[in-house]
Amino acid sequence: MVRTPLERYQQDLPHIRLLGLLAAKLDAIFQHRIQRLVRKDGTVSYEGRFFEVPYELTGKTVWLVVDPHTHTAVGVEDEAGACLGAVTPLDALANRHRLRRKPAVSGGDPAQSTQPRATPTGPTLVDLAYARHYGPIAHPASTDDPTSEGK
């Protein structure tokens, strides 16, 4: 007996299940996961392009989550599949000026690795050299100035 496609579809309707909550996760289910090592500058590569990941992952092996249709990275996960952070295409200029923190040292004192370094106060050596070189020209020495050398 020959049936139309519509009749054949209607015959199977009682066997069709709805996806329900899985419908929202359907794209994530079909994404590819590729193992990558995070470089020292906080980037990973995929198909000749570089992507930035959270800098705390430097030196670790992560799973790069890739959309197979657009061939772009969308996130990073650990081996268990837990999300470790977002992935963005590399902006080389911004990455060059990116503030970096050293990852926590294994086996070391955790209190020392998390404490921020003390910032020096006062002028730097460059500031002092500039003031010494251009100071006499820009600001003539006065007798009231204790820093003048009385030239």
Protein backbone atom coordinates (compact mmCIF):
# COMPACT_ATOMS: atom_id res chain seq x y z
CA MET A 1 0.00 0.00 0.00
CA VAL A 2 1.45 3.32 -1.06
CA ARG A 3 1.15 6.23 1.39
CA THR A 4 1.80 9.90 1.04
CA PRO A 5 4.56 11.42 3.17
CA LEU A 6 1.92 13.12 5.33
CA GLU A 7 0.12 9.84 5.99
CA ARG A 8 3.40 8.14 6.89
CA TYR A 9 4.29 10.98 9.30
CA GLN A 10 0.86 10.84 10.94
CA GLN A 11 1.22 7.09 11.42
CA ASP A 12 4.31 7.64 13.62
CA LEU A 13 2.94 10.57 15.69
CA PRO A 14 2.15 8.40 18.75
CA HIS A 15 5.83 7.31 18.88
CA ILE A 16 7.31 10.83 18.72
CA ARG A 17 8.58 12.29 22.02
CA LEU A 18 9.05 15.99 22.69
CA LEU A 19 12.48 17.11 23.76
CA GLY A 20 11.18 19.24 26.63
CA LEU A 21 14.04 20.79 28.60
CA LEU A 22 16.64 19.17 26.36
CA ALA A 23 15.58 21.44 23.48
CA ALA A 24 17.46 24.36 25.08
CA LYS A 25 20.61 22.23 25.40
CA LEU A 26 20.47 20.75 21.91
CA ASP A 27 23.20 22.99 20.46
CA ALA A 28 25.50 22.31 23.43
CA ILE A 29 25.06 18.58 23.02
CA PHE A 30 26.44 18.67 19.47
CA GLN A 31 29.36 21.02 20.12
CA HIS A 32 32.82 19.57 19.67
CA ARG A 33 35.38 19.44 22.48
CA ILE A 34 39.07 19.64 21.65
CA GLN A 35 41.89 19.32 24.15
CA ARG A 36 44.26 22.30 24.22
CA LEU A 37 47.14 23.58 26.38
CA VAL A 38 46.76 27.20 27.51
CA ARG A 39 49.84 29.20 26.51
CA LYS A 40 51.74 31.56 28.83
CA ASP A 41 49.87 34.56 27.44
CA GLY A 42 46.45 33.06 28.27
CA THR A 43 45.55 31.97 24.73
CA VAL A 44 44.71 28.74 22.92
CA SER A 45 44.75 28.07 19.19
CA TYR A 46 42.14 26.47 16.96
CA GLU A 47 42.40 26.19 13.17
CA GLY A 48 45.13 28.83 12.93
CA ARG A 49 43.26 31.38 15.06
CA PHE A 50 43.95 32.33 18.65
CA PHE A 51 41.41 32.75 21.43
CA GLU A 52 41.79 34.29 24.88
CA VAL A 53 40.76 32.27 27.93
CA PRO A 54 40.84 33.18 31.64
CA TYR A 55 44.47 33.82 32.55
CA GLU A 56 44.21 31.59 35.64
CA LEU A 57 44.23 28.61 33.24
CA THR A 58 47.78 29.35 32.02
CA GLY A 59 49.81 26.18 31.69
CA LYS A 60 46.79 23.90 32.16
CA THR A 61 45.18 21.53 29.70
CA VAL A 62 41.56 22.43 28.96
CA TRP A 63 38.81 21.28 26.62
CA LEU A 64 38.00 23.96 24.05
CA VAL A 65 34.27 23.91 23.19
CA VAL A 66 33.78 24.60 19.48
CA ASP A 67 30.62 25.23 17.45
CA PRO A 68 31.05 22.86 14.48
CA HIS A 69 28.91 24.98 12.13
CA THR A 70 30.71 28.32 12.58
CA HIS A 71 34.11 26.85 13.53
CA THR A 72 34.46 29.26 16.45
CA ALA A 73 35.34 28.57 20.06
CA VAL A 74 32.55 29.30 22.55
CA GLY A 75 34.02 28.26 25.92
CA VAL A 76 36.45 26.14 27.88
CA GLU A 77 35.69 23.21 30.13
CA ASP A 78 37.63 20.94 32.45
CA GLU A 79 37.88 17.19 31.94
CA ALA A 80 34.61 16.62 33.83
CA GLY A 81 32.72 19.05 31.57
CA ALA A 82 32.42 21.92 34.07
CA CYS A 83 32.58 25.39 32.50
CA LEU A 84 35.88 27.18 33.26
CA GLY A 85 35.09 30.44 31.49
CA ALA A 86 34.37 32.25 28.28
CA VAL A 87 36.50 32.37 25.18
CA THR A 88 36.97 35.46 23.02
CA PRO A 89 38.84 35.95 19.75
CA LEU A 90 42.33 37.26 20.40
CA ASP A 91 42.81 41.01 20.24
CA ALA A 92 46.62 41.05 20.05
CA LEU A 93 46.95 44.70 21.07
CA ALA A 94 44.65 44.35 24.08
CA ASN A 95 46.32 41.07 25.10
CA ARG A 96 49.68 42.80 25.00
CA HIS A 97 48.51 45.28 27.66
CA ARG A 98 46.46 42.75 29.64
CA LEU A 99 47.11 42.69 33.38
CA ARG A 100 48.38 39.30 34.37
CA ARG A 101 48.47 37.53 37.70
CA LYS A 102 50.75 34.64 38.40
CA PRO A 103 48.87 31.40 39.00
CA ALA A 104 48.99 30.05 42.55
CA VAL A 105 52.19 28.11 43.19
CA SER A 106 51.61 24.45 44.02
CA GLY A 107 53.03 23.41 47.36
CA GLY A 108 53.96 26.98 48.29
CA ASP A 109 52.50 29.21 50.94
CA PRO A 110 49.07 30.24 49.59
CA ALA A 111 49.08 33.41 51.69
CA GLN A 112 52.17 34.69 49.90
CA SER A 113 50.94 33.90 46.38
CA THR A 114 47.62 35.74 46.84
CA GLN A 115 49.01 38.87 48.48
CA PRO A 116 49.44 41.81 46.10
CA ARG A 117 52.89 43.24 45.73
CA ALA A 118 53.61 46.50 47.47
CA THR A 119 53.64 49.39 45.05
CA PRO A 120 56.55 51.78 45.44
CA THR A 121 55.68 55.29 46.51
CA GLY A 122 57.44 58.42 45.36
CA PRO A 123 59.21 59.16 42.10
CA THR A 124 60.77 56.43 40.02
CA LEU A 125 64.36 56.48 38.81
CA VAL A 126 63.17 57.71 35.43
CA ASP A 127 61.30 60.60 37.08
CA LEU A 128 64.40 61.55 39.08
CA ALA A 129 66.65 61.44 36.01
CA TYR A 130 64.17 63.52 34.03
CA ALA A 131 63.90 66.10 36.81
CA ARG A 132 67.67 66.29 37.15
CA HIS A 133 68.22 66.66 33.40
CA TYR A 134 65.38 69.05 32.55
CA GLY A 135 64.87 70.67 35.94
CA PRO A 136 67.45 73.46 35.59
CA ILE A 137 66.08 74.41 32.15
CA ALA A 138 62.38 74.26 32.95
CA HIS A 139 62.59 75.67 36.48
CA PRO A 140 65.47 78.04 37.20
CA ALA A 141 67.11 77.32 40.52
CA SER A 142 65.80 79.50 43.32
CA THR A 143 67.38 80.11 46.67
CA ASP A 144 64.19 79.00 48.48
CA ASP A 145 64.26 75.52 46.91
CA PRO A 146 66.10 73.08 49.23
CA THR A 147 66.60 70.59 46.37
CA SER A 148 68.53 73.07 44.21
CA GLU A 149 72.20 72.43 44.05
CA GLY A 150 73.09 76.14 43.94
CA LYS A 151 74.70 76.15 40.52
